[in-house]
N, C-alpha and C. Protein backbone atom coordinates (compact mmCIF):
# COMPACT_ATOMS: atom_id res chain seq x y z
N MET A 1 169.00 -30.38 111.11
CA MET A 1 168.64 -29.40 109.96
C MET A 1 167.06 -30.15 110.12
N SER A 2 166.63 -31.35 109.75
CA SER A 2 165.79 -31.41 109.54
C SER A 2 164.66 -31.49 110.58
N TRP A 3 164.78 -31.22 112.10
CA TRP A 3 163.90 -30.85 113.32
C TRP A 3 163.69 -29.19 112.64
N TYR A 4 165.01 -28.59 112.52
CA TYR A 4 164.69 -27.00 112.31
C TYR A 4 163.80 -26.32 111.70
N GLN A 5 163.51 -27.30 110.16
CA GLN A 5 162.69 -26.68 108.85
C GLN A 5 161.57 -27.41 109.27
N SER A 6 161.06 -28.11 110.77
CA SER A 6 159.80 -29.20 110.54
C SER A 6 159.15 -28.13 111.51
N LEU A 7 160.13 -27.71 112.40
CA LEU A 7 159.91 -26.44 113.43
C LEU A 7 159.18 -25.69 112.55
N ILE A 8 159.85 -24.83 111.43
CA ILE A 8 159.81 -23.69 111.18
C ILE A 8 158.29 -23.91 109.92
N SER A 9 157.72 -25.18 109.57
CA SER A 9 156.79 -25.83 108.49
C SER A 9 155.90 -25.45 109.67
N ILE A 10 155.76 -26.33 110.81
CA ILE A 10 154.77 -26.15 112.25
C ILE A 10 154.35 -24.94 112.83
N ILE A 11 155.18 -24.01 112.30
CA ILE A 11 154.95 -22.82 113.22
C ILE A 11 154.23 -21.96 112.01
N SER A 12 155.01 -22.11 110.82
CA SER A 12 154.37 -21.47 110.07
C SER A 12 152.71 -21.42 109.70
N ALA A 13 152.84 -22.85 109.40
CA ALA A 13 151.18 -23.61 109.28
C ALA A 13 150.07 -23.37 110.20
N VAL A 14 150.52 -22.97 111.44
CA VAL A 14 149.92 -22.87 113.03
C VAL A 14 149.90 -20.81 112.31
N LEU A 15 150.66 -20.20 112.65
CA LEU A 15 150.02 -19.15 112.47
C LEU A 15 149.58 -18.56 111.14
N GLY A 16 149.77 -19.77 109.88
CA GLY A 16 148.46 -19.21 108.30
C GLY A 16 147.32 -19.49 109.16
N GLY A 17 147.10 -20.47 109.76
CA GLY A 17 145.52 -20.63 110.27
C GLY A 17 145.10 -19.71 111.18
N PHE A 18 145.78 -19.17 112.01
CA PHE A 18 145.31 -18.08 113.08
C PHE A 18 145.06 -16.87 112.01
N ILE A 19 146.18 -16.69 111.28
CA ILE A 19 145.93 -15.03 110.29
C ILE A 19 144.88 -15.55 109.50
N GLY A 20 144.79 -16.62 108.95
CA GLY A 20 143.30 -16.74 107.82
C GLY A 20 142.07 -16.71 108.77
N GLY A 21 141.79 -17.57 110.36
CA GLY A 21 140.87 -17.75 111.06
C GLY A 21 140.20 -16.32 110.98
N TRP A 22 140.85 -15.08 111.86
CA TRP A 22 141.26 -13.92 111.75
C TRP A 22 140.05 -13.18 110.89
N VAL A 23 141.25 -13.52 109.80
CA VAL A 23 140.83 -12.51 108.60
C VAL A 23 139.16 -13.17 108.08
N VAL A 24 139.24 -14.40 108.33
CA VAL A 24 137.66 -15.13 107.71
C VAL A 24 136.02 -13.83 108.99
N ALA A 25 136.82 -14.35 109.93
CA ALA A 25 136.49 -13.86 111.41
C ALA A 25 135.70 -12.46 111.54
N TYR A 26 137.27 -11.57 110.74
CA TYR A 26 136.41 -10.19 110.55
C TYR A 26 135.56 -9.68 109.44
N ARG A 27 135.51 -10.52 108.42
CA ARG A 27 134.77 -10.46 107.23
C ARG A 27 133.41 -10.64 107.76
N MET A 28 133.16 -11.41 108.29
CA MET A 28 131.87 -12.55 108.61
C MET A 28 131.28 -11.46 109.64
N GLY A 29 132.40 -10.81 110.59
CA GLY A 29 131.57 -10.02 111.65
C GLY A 29 130.70 -8.67 110.81
N ARG A 30 131.62 -8.61 110.10
CA ARG A 30 131.68 -7.40 109.08
C ARG A 30 129.98 -7.16 108.55
N TRP A 31 130.02 -8.96 107.84
CA TRP A 31 128.87 -9.08 107.25
C TRP A 31 127.97 -9.53 108.55
N ARG A 32 128.06 -9.57 109.35
CA ARG A 32 126.58 -10.26 110.07
C ARG A 32 126.36 -8.89 110.92
N GLN A 33 127.28 -7.73 111.28
CA GLN A 33 127.01 -6.61 111.15
C GLN A 33 125.91 -6.18 110.99
N SER A 34 126.45 -5.77 109.07
CA SER A 34 125.67 -5.10 108.21
C SER A 34 124.10 -5.58 107.92
N VAL A 35 124.10 -6.53 108.39
CA VAL A 35 122.50 -8.07 108.20
C VAL A 35 121.51 -7.14 108.99
N GLU A 36 122.09 -7.34 110.31
CA GLU A 36 121.80 -6.54 111.72
C GLU A 36 121.12 -5.29 111.49
N ASP A 37 122.07 -4.65 111.07
CA ASP A 37 121.95 -3.11 110.66
C ASP A 37 121.10 -3.09 110.55
N ARG A 38 120.76 -3.91 108.98
CA ARG A 38 119.75 -3.24 107.96
C ARG A 38 118.19 -3.86 108.96
N ILE A 39 118.47 -4.94 110.04
CA ILE A 39 116.98 -5.90 110.28
C ILE A 39 116.63 -4.57 110.97
N GLU A 40 117.79 -3.78 111.95
CA GLU A 40 117.74 -2.80 112.45
C GLU A 40 116.03 -1.67 112.27
N ARG A 41 117.11 -1.04 111.06
CA ARG A 41 116.50 -0.31 110.71
C ARG A 41 114.95 -0.82 109.88
N VAL A 42 114.90 -1.84 109.41
CA VAL A 42 113.72 -1.99 108.77
C VAL A 42 112.00 -2.50 110.20
N GLN A 43 113.17 -2.86 111.40
CA GLN A 43 112.13 -2.67 112.16
C GLN A 43 111.93 -1.35 112.99
N ASN A 44 112.56 -0.56 112.90
CA ASN A 44 112.38 0.90 113.30
C ASN A 44 111.52 1.34 112.64
N ARG A 45 111.29 1.06 111.19
CA ARG A 45 110.42 2.05 110.10
C ARG A 45 109.03 0.97 110.25
N LEU A 46 108.64 0.10 110.73
CA LEU A 46 107.41 -0.79 111.35
C LEU A 46 107.34 -0.40 112.47
N SER A 47 107.72 -0.09 113.36
CA SER A 47 107.77 0.70 114.55
C SER A 47 106.83 1.57 114.66
N SER A 48 107.92 2.55 113.76
CA SER A 48 107.27 3.94 113.65
C SER A 48 105.94 4.24 112.98
N GLY A 49 105.16 3.51 112.76
CA GLY A 49 103.74 3.75 111.61
C GLY A 49 104.20 3.76 109.72
N ASP A 50 105.06 3.77 109.68
CA ASP A 50 104.84 3.88 108.09
C ASP A 50 104.07 2.83 108.03
N GLN A 51 102.99 3.58 106.43
CA GLN A 51 102.84 2.42 105.88
C GLN A 51 102.81 1.35 105.09
N ALA A 52 102.02 0.16 105.81
CA ALA A 52 102.58 -1.20 104.99
C ALA A 52 102.69 -1.37 103.50
N LEU A 53 103.51 -2.25 103.15
CA LEU A 53 103.42 -1.92 101.79
C LEU A 53 102.44 -2.65 100.88
N SER A 54 101.72 -3.98 101.16
CA SER A 54 100.56 -3.87 101.00
C SER A 54 99.19 -3.35 100.92
N ASP A 55 99.17 -1.89 101.67
CA ASP A 55 98.43 -0.96 101.28
C ASP A 55 99.02 0.65 100.80
N VAL A 56 99.54 -0.14 100.30
CA VAL A 56 99.82 1.47 99.03
C VAL A 56 99.27 0.75 97.78
N PRO A 57 98.23 0.94 97.08
CA PRO A 57 97.45 0.82 95.54
C PRO A 57 98.08 1.03 94.54
N VAL A 58 99.67 1.14 94.68
CA VAL A 58 100.11 1.08 93.38
C VAL A 58 99.75 -0.24 92.23
N ILE A 59 100.13 -1.47 93.06
CA ILE A 59 99.40 -2.64 92.06
C ILE A 59 98.00 -2.68 91.97
N SER A 60 97.26 -2.67 92.68
CA SER A 60 95.61 -2.35 92.19
C SER A 60 95.45 -1.40 91.21
N THR A 61 95.66 -0.34 91.76
CA THR A 61 95.79 0.82 90.22
C THR A 61 96.17 0.05 88.91
N ARG A 62 97.44 -0.20 88.69
CA ARG A 62 97.72 -0.47 87.57
C ARG A 62 96.99 -1.71 87.32
N LEU A 63 96.66 -2.47 88.07
CA LEU A 63 95.50 -3.82 87.27
C LEU A 63 94.47 -3.59 86.85
N ASP A 64 93.81 -1.78 87.61
CA ASP A 64 92.94 -1.28 86.83
C ASP A 64 92.98 -0.85 85.59
N VAL A 65 94.44 -0.14 85.45
CA VAL A 65 94.03 0.88 84.11
C VAL A 65 94.48 -0.68 82.95
N LEU A 66 95.54 -1.49 83.20
CA LEU A 66 95.29 -2.63 82.76
C LEU A 66 94.00 -3.60 82.26
N PHE A 67 93.57 -3.72 83.22
CA PHE A 67 91.92 -3.99 82.44
C PHE A 67 91.06 -3.56 81.54
N ASP A 68 90.85 -1.71 82.31
CA ASP A 68 90.47 -1.35 81.15
C ASP A 68 90.90 -1.21 80.05
N GLU A 69 92.43 -1.42 79.98
CA GLU A 69 92.83 -1.07 78.47
C GLU A 69 92.08 -2.63 77.88
N LEU A 70 92.56 -3.80 78.77
CA LEU A 70 92.24 -4.72 77.92
C LEU A 70 90.61 -4.57 77.02
N HIS A 71 89.78 -4.48 78.07
CA HIS A 71 88.04 -4.22 77.76
C HIS A 71 88.64 -3.12 76.53
N ALA A 72 88.89 -2.08 76.35
CA ALA A 72 88.32 -1.25 74.93
C ALA A 72 89.71 -2.30 74.09
N LEU A 73 90.20 -3.02 73.92
CA LEU A 73 91.33 -3.46 72.75
C LEU A 73 90.25 -4.61 72.53
N ARG A 74 89.33 -5.16 73.39
CA ARG A 74 88.74 -6.39 72.76
C ARG A 74 87.21 -5.33 72.37
N LYS A 75 86.86 -4.61 72.86
CA LYS A 75 85.75 -3.47 72.10
C LYS A 75 86.53 -3.00 70.57
N GLU A 76 87.35 -2.73 70.53
CA GLU A 76 87.97 -2.38 68.83
C GLU A 76 88.42 -4.07 68.01
N ILE A 77 88.74 -4.50 68.87
CA ILE A 77 88.41 -6.26 67.72
C ILE A 77 87.56 -6.43 67.50
N ARG A 78 86.32 -6.50 67.70
CA ARG A 78 84.77 -6.53 67.67
C ARG A 78 84.32 -5.96 67.05
N GLN A 79 84.60 -4.59 67.24
CA GLN A 79 84.01 -3.81 65.76
C GLN A 79 84.94 -3.77 64.47
N ALA A 80 86.33 -3.71 64.67
CA ALA A 80 86.79 -4.32 63.26
C ALA A 80 86.59 -5.78 62.52
N ARG A 81 86.49 -6.36 63.48
CA ARG A 81 85.50 -7.76 63.06
C ARG A 81 84.35 -7.82 62.27
N SER A 82 83.51 -7.17 63.27
CA SER A 82 82.22 -6.38 61.88
C SER A 82 82.14 -5.85 61.32
N GLU A 83 83.22 -5.54 60.96
CA GLU A 83 83.15 -4.38 59.31
C GLU A 83 84.07 -5.20 58.40
N SER A 84 85.14 -6.24 58.72
CA SER A 84 85.63 -7.26 58.16
C SER A 84 84.78 -8.02 57.15
N VAL A 85 84.91 -8.37 55.89
CA VAL A 85 84.18 -9.32 54.70
C VAL A 85 85.02 -10.38 54.60
N THR A 86 84.52 -11.40 54.69
CA THR A 86 84.92 -12.86 54.69
C THR A 86 85.09 -12.77 53.54
N HIS A 87 86.20 -14.11 52.95
CA HIS A 87 86.17 -14.65 51.73
C HIS A 87 85.10 -15.41 51.16
N GLU A 88 84.28 -15.53 51.52
CA GLU A 88 83.04 -16.64 50.64
C GLU A 88 82.30 -15.30 50.33
N GLU A 89 82.16 -14.49 51.01
CA GLU A 89 81.41 -13.08 51.06
C GLU A 89 82.11 -12.14 49.59
N CYS A 90 83.17 -12.44 50.15
CA CYS A 90 84.43 -11.28 48.66
C CYS A 90 84.31 -11.76 47.62
N ASP A 91 83.87 -13.45 47.14
CA ASP A 91 84.02 -14.37 46.38
C ASP A 91 82.38 -13.95 45.83
N ARG A 92 81.33 -14.34 46.27
CA ARG A 92 79.69 -13.69 45.90
C ARG A 92 80.01 -12.49 45.09
N ARG A 93 80.11 -11.55 45.69
CA ARG A 93 80.13 -10.48 45.55
C ARG A 93 80.96 -10.02 44.17
N HIS A 94 82.24 -10.13 44.29
CA HIS A 94 83.59 -10.17 43.05
C HIS A 94 83.56 -11.43 42.49
N GLY A 95 83.14 -12.50 42.27
CA GLY A 95 83.86 -13.26 41.40
C GLY A 95 84.98 -14.22 42.24
N SER A 96 86.05 -14.22 41.41
CA SER A 96 87.24 -14.50 41.99
C SER A 96 88.63 -13.74 42.65
N GLY A 97 87.92 -12.37 42.41
CA GLY A 97 89.14 -11.56 42.49
C GLY A 97 89.95 -10.99 41.32
N SER A 98 89.55 -12.25 40.19
CA SER A 98 90.25 -11.57 38.85
C SER A 98 89.99 -10.29 38.30
N ALA A 99 91.40 -9.79 38.11
CA ALA A 99 91.01 -8.73 37.09
C ALA A 99 89.76 -9.18 35.75
N ASP A 100 90.04 -9.83 34.85
CA ASP A 100 89.69 -9.82 33.72
C ASP A 100 88.13 -11.30 34.00
N GLY A 101 87.73 -10.80 34.98
CA GLY A 101 86.18 -11.66 35.41
C GLY A 101 85.97 -13.19 35.14
N ASP A 102 87.02 -14.02 34.67
CA ASP A 102 87.10 -15.24 34.89
C ASP A 102 87.19 -15.89 36.01
N ASN A 103 86.17 -17.15 36.97
CA ASN A 103 86.36 -17.80 38.11
C ASN A 103 87.18 -18.58 38.16
N ASP A 104 88.08 -18.86 37.50
CA ASP A 104 89.14 -19.57 37.75
C ASP A 104 90.15 -19.47 38.87
N ARG A 105 90.15 -20.12 39.94
CA ARG A 105 91.18 -19.33 40.82
C ARG A 105 92.88 -20.08 40.75
N SER A 106 93.85 -19.72 41.03
CA SER A 106 94.68 -19.70 40.93
C SER A 106 96.16 -19.06 41.91
């Protein structure tokens, strides 16, 4: 009876190995085929003369808009700083800023 169980174990292991190998090969084959199909579609698109991505001015246009916005922001900041008053100038004009006019800082 012992040789019978050993034979069944060997046959089961061999069959399991073959079935597992076929499953892995099938899945890998499907994956490789999908990758190859994608590469073929890209090659067909490139050979058909579609515009290359580097020729599309989207990024450069966005950068131009960004630079214009930054220049406008810097201009607004300069204008706001020219209209602001320093603490020293405020103290000279209004004293210490207290309501009763004493010069104590607290």
